[in-house]
Amino acid sequence: MILYPNRSIDIGDIKHYRDFFVSQRVRRIYLDELGETASLPIGIATVKLVIAAEDIAIREARELIDTTKSGINSPLKQQQLLQFIKTIVAYKFPTMSREDMEKMFGLSELKQTRFYQEAFQEGIEQGIQQGKLQTVRPMLAAGLTVEYIAQVLDLSVEEVRQLTQSQSE
């Protein structure tokens, strides 16, 4: 299956893949031609969220979340679909603040998403790295060797040398 937001994106050049299309092993689907979101299966409606206009995407995302919570009995499938909805929204609205996401999904749900957990972990790792980098200058000033600093801060000798060069420039 190949998903297109609309027909104008499809260049129609299938010469290298003609057998797949003729045998119907591959089908083209145009999301804008699928009909109203409310009448679609929840999985298809969720994919269609990708092309929803921004002014209605949040409303549709909330409706999909409610439908998922009430209509999907399997906790695993429910969590996967909720994660998919939230990922689409996060990519669709990259400037949306954490507070807005919390209002939209509820704080506890947001914190359970893989998107949030990965972003949080990345922030922690960046903070640790930044702290290590800021520690190099005072350690050098104290007369410690590059090798010792690398060992203590769990950095490579090359990283410490690069830091000493960039700090001296």
N, C-alpha and C. Protein backbone atom coordinates (compact mmCIF):
# COMPACT_ATOMS: atom_id res chain seq x y z
N MET A 1 0.84 -1.16 0.00
CA MET A 1 0.00 0.00 0.00
C MET A 1 0.90 1.24 0.00
N ILE A 2 0.54 2.18 -0.84
CA ILE A 2 1.24 3.45 -0.88
C ILE A 2 0.22 4.52 -0.51
N LEU A 3 0.53 5.29 0.51
CA LEU A 3 -0.37 6.34 0.96
C LEU A 3 0.08 7.68 0.41
N TYR A 4 -0.85 8.38 -0.20
CA TYR A 4 -0.61 9.73 -0.68
C TYR A 4 -1.60 10.66 0.00
N PRO A 5 -1.18 11.87 0.30
CA PRO A 5 -2.15 12.82 0.86
C PRO A 5 -3.25 13.14 -0.15
N ASN A 6 -2.87 13.23 -1.44
CA ASN A 6 -3.84 13.49 -2.52
C ASN A 6 -3.24 13.04 -3.84
N ARG A 7 -4.04 13.04 -4.89
CA ARG A 7 -3.59 12.55 -6.20
C ARG A 7 -2.48 13.40 -6.81
N SER A 8 -2.44 14.67 -6.50
CA SER A 8 -1.46 15.55 -7.13
C SER A 8 -0.02 15.18 -6.73
N ILE A 9 0.15 14.48 -5.64
CA ILE A 9 1.49 14.04 -5.18
C ILE A 9 1.96 12.83 -5.97
N ASP A 10 1.03 12.00 -6.41
CA ASP A 10 1.34 10.77 -7.14
C ASP A 10 1.83 11.13 -8.55
N ILE A 11 3.09 10.81 -8.84
CA ILE A 11 3.63 11.13 -10.17
C ILE A 11 3.22 10.09 -11.21
N GLY A 12 2.68 8.97 -10.77
CA GLY A 12 2.14 7.98 -11.69
C GLY A 12 3.17 7.14 -12.41
N ASP A 13 4.45 7.31 -12.13
CA ASP A 13 5.50 6.55 -12.80
C ASP A 13 5.67 5.20 -12.11
N ILE A 14 5.07 4.18 -12.68
CA ILE A 14 5.14 2.85 -12.05
C ILE A 14 5.88 1.84 -12.92
N LYS A 15 6.58 2.31 -13.95
CA LYS A 15 7.17 1.38 -14.91
C LYS A 15 8.06 0.32 -14.25
N HIS A 16 8.78 0.67 -13.21
CA HIS A 16 9.66 -0.29 -12.56
C HIS A 16 8.90 -1.21 -11.61
N TYR A 17 7.66 -0.84 -11.29
CA TYR A 17 6.87 -1.59 -10.31
C TYR A 17 5.54 -2.06 -10.87
N ARG A 18 5.40 -2.05 -12.17
CA ARG A 18 4.13 -2.37 -12.83
C ARG A 18 3.57 -3.72 -12.36
N ASP A 19 4.41 -4.73 -12.25
CA ASP A 19 3.94 -6.06 -11.84
C ASP A 19 3.25 -6.01 -10.47
N PHE A 20 3.76 -5.22 -9.57
CA PHE A 20 3.15 -5.11 -8.25
C PHE A 20 1.75 -4.50 -8.33
N PHE A 21 1.61 -3.50 -9.19
CA PHE A 21 0.31 -2.84 -9.33
C PHE A 21 -0.69 -3.71 -10.10
N VAL A 22 -0.22 -4.35 -11.15
CA VAL A 22 -1.10 -5.20 -11.96
C VAL A 22 -1.61 -6.38 -11.12
N SER A 23 -0.75 -6.97 -10.32
CA SER A 23 -1.14 -8.11 -9.48
C SER A 23 -1.90 -7.66 -8.23
N GLN A 24 -2.02 -6.39 -8.07
CA GLN A 24 -2.71 -5.77 -6.92
C GLN A 24 -2.05 -6.10 -5.59
N ARG A 25 -0.75 -6.41 -5.64
CA ARG A 25 0.00 -6.57 -4.40
C ARG A 25 0.30 -5.21 -3.78
N VAL A 26 0.26 -4.17 -4.62
CA VAL A 26 0.46 -2.81 -4.15
C VAL A 26 -0.71 -1.98 -4.63
N ARG A 27 -1.27 -1.20 -3.73
CA ARG A 27 -2.39 -0.30 -4.05
C ARG A 27 -2.04 1.11 -3.62
N ARG A 28 -2.55 2.07 -4.37
CA ARG A 28 -2.40 3.47 -4.01
C ARG A 28 -3.66 3.92 -3.29
N ILE A 29 -3.46 4.62 -2.19
CA ILE A 29 -4.59 5.16 -1.43
C ILE A 29 -4.36 6.66 -1.27
N TYR A 30 -5.39 7.42 -1.59
CA TYR A 30 -5.34 8.88 -1.48
C TYR A 30 -6.14 9.28 -0.25
N LEU A 31 -5.44 9.75 0.76
CA LEU A 31 -6.09 10.02 2.05
C LEU A 31 -7.23 11.02 1.95
N ASP A 32 -7.10 12.00 1.08
CA ASP A 32 -8.15 13.01 0.98
C ASP A 32 -9.42 12.49 0.32
N GLU A 33 -9.39 11.29 -0.24
CA GLU A 33 -10.56 10.71 -0.90
C GLU A 33 -11.25 9.64 -0.06
N LEU A 34 -10.82 9.47 1.17
CA LEU A 34 -11.35 8.38 1.99
C LEU A 34 -12.69 8.71 2.65
N GLY A 35 -13.12 9.93 2.61
CA GLY A 35 -14.39 10.28 3.23
C GLY A 35 -14.19 10.90 4.60
N GLU A 36 -15.31 11.07 5.30
CA GLU A 36 -15.28 11.70 6.62
C GLU A 36 -14.58 10.81 7.64
N THR A 37 -13.78 11.43 8.49
CA THR A 37 -13.02 10.70 9.50
C THR A 37 -13.93 9.87 10.40
N ALA A 38 -15.06 10.42 10.78
CA ALA A 38 -15.96 9.72 11.70
C ALA A 38 -16.48 8.41 11.13
N SER A 39 -16.55 8.29 9.80
CA SER A 39 -17.09 7.08 9.18
C SER A 39 -16.02 6.03 8.88
N LEU A 40 -14.77 6.34 9.16
CA LEU A 40 -13.66 5.43 8.82
C LEU A 40 -13.29 4.55 10.01
N PRO A 41 -12.69 3.38 9.74
CA PRO A 41 -12.12 2.61 10.85
C PRO A 41 -11.08 3.45 11.57
N ILE A 42 -10.92 3.22 12.84
CA ILE A 42 -10.08 4.11 13.66
C ILE A 42 -8.63 4.16 13.18
N GLY A 43 -8.09 3.06 12.70
CA GLY A 43 -6.71 3.07 12.21
C GLY A 43 -6.54 3.96 10.99
N ILE A 44 -7.48 3.86 10.06
CA ILE A 44 -7.44 4.69 8.85
C ILE A 44 -7.68 6.15 9.21
N ALA A 45 -8.62 6.39 10.12
CA ALA A 45 -8.91 7.76 10.56
C ALA A 45 -7.67 8.38 11.21
N THR A 46 -6.91 7.58 11.92
CA THR A 46 -5.70 8.08 12.56
C THR A 46 -4.66 8.46 11.51
N VAL A 47 -4.49 7.62 10.50
CA VAL A 47 -3.54 7.94 9.43
C VAL A 47 -3.98 9.21 8.70
N LYS A 48 -5.28 9.37 8.52
CA LYS A 48 -5.80 10.55 7.83
C LYS A 48 -5.53 11.83 8.63
N LEU A 49 -5.29 11.70 9.92
CA LEU A 49 -4.95 12.85 10.76
C LEU A 49 -3.72 13.59 10.24
N VAL A 50 -2.85 12.86 9.55
CA VAL A 50 -1.63 13.45 9.00
C VAL A 50 -1.95 14.59 8.04
N ILE A 51 -3.02 14.46 7.27
CA ILE A 51 -3.34 15.49 6.27
C ILE A 51 -4.40 16.48 6.75
N ALA A 52 -4.89 16.31 7.96
CA ALA A 52 -5.93 17.20 8.47
C ALA A 52 -5.38 18.62 8.60
N ALA A 53 -6.21 19.59 8.27
CA ALA A 53 -5.81 20.99 8.44
C ALA A 53 -5.58 21.25 9.93
N GLU A 54 -4.65 22.13 10.20
CA GLU A 54 -4.27 22.38 11.59
C GLU A 54 -5.45 22.79 12.47
N ASP A 55 -6.37 23.57 11.90
CA ASP A 55 -7.47 24.05 12.72
C ASP A 55 -8.43 22.95 13.14
N ILE A 56 -8.44 21.82 12.42
CA ILE A 56 -9.32 20.72 12.84
C ILE A 56 -8.55 19.51 13.34
N ALA A 57 -7.24 19.50 13.18
CA ALA A 57 -6.43 18.33 13.56
C ALA A 57 -6.51 18.07 15.07
N ILE A 58 -6.47 19.11 15.87
CA ILE A 58 -6.51 18.91 17.32
C ILE A 58 -7.87 18.34 17.73
N ARG A 59 -8.93 18.87 17.16
CA ARG A 59 -10.27 18.35 17.48
C ARG A 59 -10.37 16.88 17.08
N GLU A 60 -9.90 16.57 15.88
CA GLU A 60 -9.96 15.19 15.42
C GLU A 60 -9.07 14.28 16.27
N ALA A 61 -7.92 14.78 16.69
CA ALA A 61 -7.04 13.98 17.54
C ALA A 61 -7.73 13.66 18.86
N ARG A 62 -8.38 14.66 19.45
CA ARG A 62 -9.11 14.42 20.71
C ARG A 62 -10.21 13.38 20.51
N GLU A 63 -10.94 13.50 19.40
CA GLU A 63 -12.00 12.53 19.11
C GLU A 63 -11.43 11.14 18.92
N LEU A 64 -10.30 11.05 18.22
CA LEU A 64 -9.66 9.74 18.02
C LEU A 64 -9.18 9.15 19.34
N ILE A 65 -8.68 9.99 20.22
CA ILE A 65 -8.24 9.52 21.54
C ILE A 65 -9.43 8.97 22.31
N ASP A 66 -10.53 9.70 22.32
CA ASP A 66 -11.73 9.23 23.02
C ASP A 66 -12.24 7.93 22.42
N THR A 67 -12.28 7.86 21.10
CA THR A 67 -12.75 6.66 20.42
C THR A 67 -11.84 5.47 20.72
N THR A 68 -10.54 5.73 20.74
CA THR A 68 -9.58 4.66 21.04
C THR A 68 -9.79 4.14 22.45
N LYS A 69 -9.96 5.05 23.39
CA LYS A 69 -10.14 4.64 24.79
C LYS A 69 -11.42 3.85 24.99
N SER A 70 -12.47 4.23 24.28
CA SER A 70 -13.75 3.55 24.48
C SER A 70 -13.95 2.37 23.53
N GLY A 71 -13.29 2.35 22.40
CA GLY A 71 -13.57 1.34 21.39
C GLY A 71 -12.56 0.24 21.23
N ILE A 72 -11.38 0.40 21.78
CA ILE A 72 -10.34 -0.63 21.65
C ILE A 72 -10.22 -1.35 22.98
N ASN A 73 -10.48 -2.66 22.97
CA ASN A 73 -10.47 -3.43 24.23
C ASN A 73 -9.08 -3.89 24.64
N SER A 74 -8.22 -4.13 23.68
CA SER A 74 -6.87 -4.61 24.00
C SER A 74 -6.02 -3.45 24.51
N PRO A 75 -5.53 -3.55 25.76
CA PRO A 75 -4.70 -2.46 26.29
C PRO A 75 -3.46 -2.18 25.45
N LEU A 76 -2.85 -3.23 24.90
CA LEU A 76 -1.66 -3.04 24.08
C LEU A 76 -2.00 -2.29 22.80
N LYS A 77 -3.06 -2.72 22.10
CA LYS A 77 -3.47 -2.04 20.87
C LYS A 77 -3.90 -0.61 21.15
N GLN A 78 -4.58 -0.42 22.27
CA GLN A 78 -5.02 0.92 22.66
C GLN A 78 -3.81 1.83 22.87
N GLN A 79 -2.83 1.35 23.61
CA GLN A 79 -1.63 2.15 23.87
C GLN A 79 -0.87 2.45 22.59
N GLN A 80 -0.77 1.47 21.70
CA GLN A 80 -0.07 1.69 20.42
C GLN A 80 -0.77 2.74 19.58
N LEU A 81 -2.08 2.67 19.53
CA LEU A 81 -2.84 3.64 18.73
C LEU A 81 -2.76 5.03 19.35
N LEU A 82 -2.85 5.11 20.68
CA LEU A 82 -2.71 6.41 21.35
C LEU A 82 -1.33 7.00 21.09
N GLN A 83 -0.32 6.15 21.13
CA GLN A 83 1.04 6.61 20.86
C GLN A 83 1.14 7.14 19.44
N PHE A 84 0.53 6.45 18.49
CA PHE A 84 0.55 6.86 17.09
C PHE A 84 -0.13 8.22 16.92
N ILE A 85 -1.28 8.40 17.54
CA ILE A 85 -2.00 9.68 17.47
C ILE A 85 -1.14 10.80 18.03
N LYS A 86 -0.55 10.57 19.16
CA LYS A 86 0.26 11.60 19.82
C LYS A 86 1.52 11.91 19.02
N THR A 87 2.09 10.91 18.39
CA THR A 87 3.27 11.14 17.56
C THR A 87 2.91 12.00 16.36
N ILE A 88 1.78 11.70 15.73
CA ILE A 88 1.34 12.51 14.59
C ILE A 88 1.15 13.96 15.02
N VAL A 89 0.50 14.17 16.15
CA VAL A 89 0.26 15.53 16.64
C VAL A 89 1.58 16.22 16.95
N ALA A 90 2.50 15.50 17.57
CA ALA A 90 3.80 16.10 17.92
C ALA A 90 4.56 16.55 16.68
N TYR A 91 4.50 15.76 15.61
CA TYR A 91 5.17 16.14 14.37
C TYR A 91 4.40 17.21 13.61
N LYS A 92 3.09 17.17 13.71
CA LYS A 92 2.25 18.12 13.00
C LYS A 92 2.36 19.52 13.62
N PHE A 93 2.57 19.57 14.92
CA PHE A 93 2.66 20.84 15.64
C PHE A 93 3.99 20.90 16.40
N PRO A 94 5.10 21.05 15.70
CA PRO A 94 6.40 21.00 16.37
C PRO A 94 6.63 22.15 17.35
N THR A 95 5.88 23.23 17.21
CA THR A 95 6.07 24.36 18.12
C THR A 95 5.10 24.33 19.29
N MET A 96 4.26 23.30 19.37
CA MET A 96 3.31 23.21 20.47
C MET A 96 4.08 23.03 21.77
N SER A 97 3.72 23.82 22.76
CA SER A 97 4.43 23.75 24.04
C SER A 97 4.04 22.51 24.81
N ARG A 98 4.84 22.20 25.78
CA ARG A 98 4.56 21.06 26.65
C ARG A 98 3.23 21.26 27.37
N GLU A 99 2.98 22.50 27.79
CA GLU A 99 1.73 22.79 28.49
C GLU A 99 0.52 22.53 27.60
N ASP A 100 0.62 22.93 26.32
CA ASP A 100 -0.48 22.69 25.39
C ASP A 100 -0.70 21.20 25.17
N MET A 101 0.41 20.45 25.07
CA MET A 101 0.29 19.00 24.91
C MET A 101 -0.35 18.39 26.16
N GLU A 102 0.03 18.89 27.33
CA GLU A 102 -0.56 18.38 28.57
C GLU A 102 -2.06 18.64 28.60
N LYS A 103 -2.47 19.84 28.18
CA LYS A 103 -3.90 20.16 28.15
C LYS A 103 -4.63 19.25 27.17
N MET A 104 -4.00 19.00 26.06
CA MET A 104 -4.64 18.21 25.02
C MET A 104 -4.81 16.75 25.42
N PHE A 105 -3.78 16.18 26.00
CA PHE A 105 -3.78 14.75 26.28
C PHE A 105 -3.90 14.41 27.75
N GLY A 106 -3.70 15.37 28.60
CA GLY A 106 -3.64 15.08 30.03
C GLY A 106 -2.21 14.75 30.41
N LEU A 107 -1.75 15.30 31.51
CA LEU A 107 -0.34 15.16 31.90
C LEU A 107 0.08 13.70 32.03
N SER A 108 -0.72 12.88 32.70
CA SER A 108 -0.29 11.50 32.92
C SER A 108 -0.17 10.75 31.60
N GLU A 109 -1.07 11.00 30.67
CA GLU A 109 -1.00 10.32 29.38
C GLU A 109 0.22 10.79 28.59
N LEU A 110 0.49 12.08 28.62
CA LEU A 110 1.64 12.61 27.89
C LEU A 110 2.92 11.98 28.39
N LYS A 111 3.06 11.87 29.70
CA LYS A 111 4.29 11.32 30.25
C LYS A 111 4.46 9.84 29.94
N GLN A 112 3.38 9.16 29.58
CA GLN A 112 3.47 7.74 29.24
C GLN A 112 3.85 7.52 27.79
N THR A 113 3.82 8.56 26.99
CA THR A 113 4.13 8.37 25.57
C THR A 113 5.62 8.17 25.37
N ARG A 114 5.94 7.38 24.37
CA ARG A 114 7.34 7.15 24.05
C ARG A 114 8.01 8.44 23.61
N PHE A 115 7.24 9.29 22.89
CA PHE A 115 7.75 10.59 22.45
C PHE A 115 8.24 11.40 23.65
N TYR A 116 7.43 11.50 24.68
CA TYR A 116 7.78 12.27 25.88
C TYR A 116 8.98 11.63 26.56
N GLN A 117 8.94 10.30 26.75
CA GLN A 117 10.01 9.62 27.46
C GLN A 117 11.34 9.76 26.74
N GLU A 118 11.31 9.64 25.41
CA GLU A 118 12.55 9.80 24.65
C GLU A 118 13.06 11.24 24.73
N ALA A 119 12.16 12.20 24.61
CA ALA A 119 12.57 13.61 24.70
C ALA A 119 13.13 13.91 26.09
N PHE A 120 12.49 13.38 27.12
CA PHE A 120 12.94 13.59 28.48
C PHE A 120 14.32 12.98 28.69
N GLN A 121 14.51 11.75 28.21
CA GLN A 121 15.80 11.08 28.35
C GLN A 121 16.88 11.83 27.57
N GLU A 122 16.54 12.31 26.39
CA GLU A 122 17.50 13.08 25.60
C GLU A 122 17.91 14.35 26.34
N GLY A 123 16.95 14.99 26.98
CA GLY A 123 17.25 16.20 27.76
C GLY A 123 18.18 15.90 28.92
N ILE A 124 17.94 14.79 29.58
CA ILE A 124 18.82 14.39 30.70
C ILE A 124 20.23 14.14 30.19
N GLU A 125 20.34 13.40 29.09
CA GLU A 125 21.66 13.09 28.53
C GLU A 125 22.39 14.35 28.09
N GLN A 126 21.67 15.29 27.48
CA GLN A 126 22.29 16.54 27.07
C GLN A 126 22.75 17.35 28.28
N GLY A 127 21.94 17.34 29.34
CA GLY A 127 22.31 18.05 30.57
C GLY A 127 23.56 17.47 31.20
N ILE A 128 23.64 16.16 31.23
CA ILE A 128 24.83 15.49 31.79
C ILE A 128 26.06 15.83 30.95
N GLN A 129 25.92 15.76 29.63
CA GLN A 129 27.03 16.07 28.74
C GLN A 129 27.47 17.53 28.92
N GLN A 130 26.50 18.43 29.00
CA GLN A 130 26.82 19.86 29.18
C GLN A 130 27.56 20.08 30.50
N GLY A 131 27.12 19.38 31.55
CA GLY A 131 27.80 19.50 32.84
C GLY A 131 29.24 19.01 32.77
N LYS A 132 29.44 17.91 32.06
CA LYS A 132 30.80 17.39 31.90
C LYS A 132 31.67 18.40 31.16
N LEU A 133 31.11 18.98 30.10
CA LEU A 133 31.88 19.91 29.29
C LEU A 133 32.25 21.16 30.09
N GLN A 134 31.37 21.62 30.94
CA GLN A 134 31.64 22.80 31.74
C GLN A 134 32.64 22.52 32.86
N THR A 135 32.83 21.26 33.18
CA THR A 135 33.75 20.87 34.24
C THR A 135 35.19 20.80 33.75
N VAL A 136 35.39 20.66 32.45
CA VAL A 136 36.73 20.47 31.91
C VAL A 136 37.64 21.66 32.23
N ARG A 137 37.19 22.88 31.99
CA ARG A 137 38.03 24.08 32.19
C ARG A 137 38.56 24.19 33.63
N PRO A 138 37.69 24.08 34.65
CA PRO A 138 38.22 24.16 36.02
C PRO A 138 39.19 23.03 36.35
N MET A 139 38.94 21.85 35.78
CA MET A 139 39.84 20.73 36.06
C MET A 139 41.21 20.97 35.42
N LEU A 140 41.21 21.51 34.22
CA LEU A 140 42.48 21.86 33.57
C LEU A 140 43.20 22.95 34.36
N ALA A 141 42.43 23.93 34.82
CA ALA A 141 43.03 25.03 35.60
C ALA A 141 43.62 24.52 36.90
N ALA A 142 43.07 23.42 37.41
CA ALA A 142 43.59 22.83 38.65
C ALA A 142 44.84 22.00 38.40
N GLY A 143 45.22 21.87 37.12
CA GLY A 143 46.45 21.17 36.79
C GLY A 143 46.28 19.69 36.51
N LEU A 144 45.07 19.24 36.37
CA LEU A 144 44.85 17.82 36.08
C LEU A 144 45.17 17.52 34.62
N THR A 145 45.58 16.30 34.36
CA THR A 145 45.95 15.92 32.99
C THR A 145 44.70 15.64 32.16
N VAL A 146 44.87 15.76 30.86
CA VAL A 146 43.78 15.48 29.92
C VAL A 146 43.31 14.04 30.10
N GLU A 147 44.25 13.12 30.27
CA GLU A 147 43.91 11.71 30.42
C GLU A 147 43.11 11.46 31.69
N TYR A 148 43.50 12.12 32.78
CA TYR A 148 42.78 11.94 34.04
C TYR A 148 41.37 12.53 33.94
N ILE A 149 41.25 13.70 33.33
CA ILE A 149 39.93 14.33 33.15
C ILE A 149 39.02 13.43 32.32
N ALA A 150 39.57 12.88 31.25
CA ALA A 150 38.79 11.99 30.40
C ALA A 150 38.30 10.78 31.19
N GLN A 151 39.16 10.22 32.01
CA GLN A 151 38.79 9.06 32.81
C GLN A 151 37.70 9.41 33.82
N VAL A 152 37.87 10.51 34.53
CA VAL A 152 36.92 10.90 35.58
C VAL A 152 35.56 11.26 34.99
N LEU A 153 35.55 11.96 33.87
CA LEU A 153 34.30 12.42 33.28
C LEU A 153 33.70 11.43 32.28
N ASP A 154 34.36 10.30 32.11
CA ASP A 154 33.89 9.28 31.18
C ASP A 154 33.76 9.85 29.77
N LEU A 155 34.81 10.58 29.37
CA LEU A 155 34.91 11.12 28.02
C LEU A 155 36.13 10.50 27.37
N SER A 156 36.21 10.59 26.07
CA SER A 156 37.43 10.13 25.41
C SER A 156 38.49 11.22 25.54
N VAL A 157 39.73 10.81 25.45
CA VAL A 157 40.84 11.77 25.51
C VAL A 157 40.68 12.78 24.37
N GLU A 158 40.26 12.30 23.21
CA GLU A 158 40.07 13.18 22.05
C GLU A 158 39.01 14.24 22.34
N GLU A 159 37.90 13.84 23.00
CA GLU A 159 36.85 14.82 23.33
C GLU A 159 37.39 15.91 24.26
N VAL A 160 38.18 15.51 25.23
CA VAL A 160 38.75 16.49 26.17
C VAL A 160 39.72 17.40 25.43
N ARG A 161 40.53 16.84 24.55
CA ARG A 161 41.47 17.67 23.78
C ARG A 161 40.72 18.66 22.89
N GLN A 162 39.67 18.20 22.25
CA GLN A 162 38.88 19.10 21.41
C GLN A 162 38.27 20.22 22.25
N LEU A 163 37.82 19.89 23.45
CA LEU A 163 37.26 20.91 24.32
C LEU A 163 38.31 21.93 24.76
N THR A 164 39.49 21.45 25.04
CA THR A 164 40.55 22.38 25.46
C THR A 164 40.92 23.30 24.30
N GLN A 165 40.92 22.76 23.08
CA GLN A 165 41.22 23.60 21.91
C GLN A 165 40.10 24.62 21.67
N SER A 166 38.83 24.16 21.76
CA SER A 166 37.72 25.09 21.49
C SER A 166 37.61 26.14 22.59
N GLN A 167 37.99 25.81 23.83
CA GLN A 167 37.92 26.79 24.90
C GLN A 167 39.04 27.83 24.80
N SER A 168 40.17 27.41 24.21
CA SER A 168 41.29 28.35 24.09
C SER A 168 41.11 29.29 22.90
N GLU A 169 40.21 28.93 21.96
CA GLU A 169 40.01 29.76 20.76
C GLU A 169 39.12 30.90 21.04
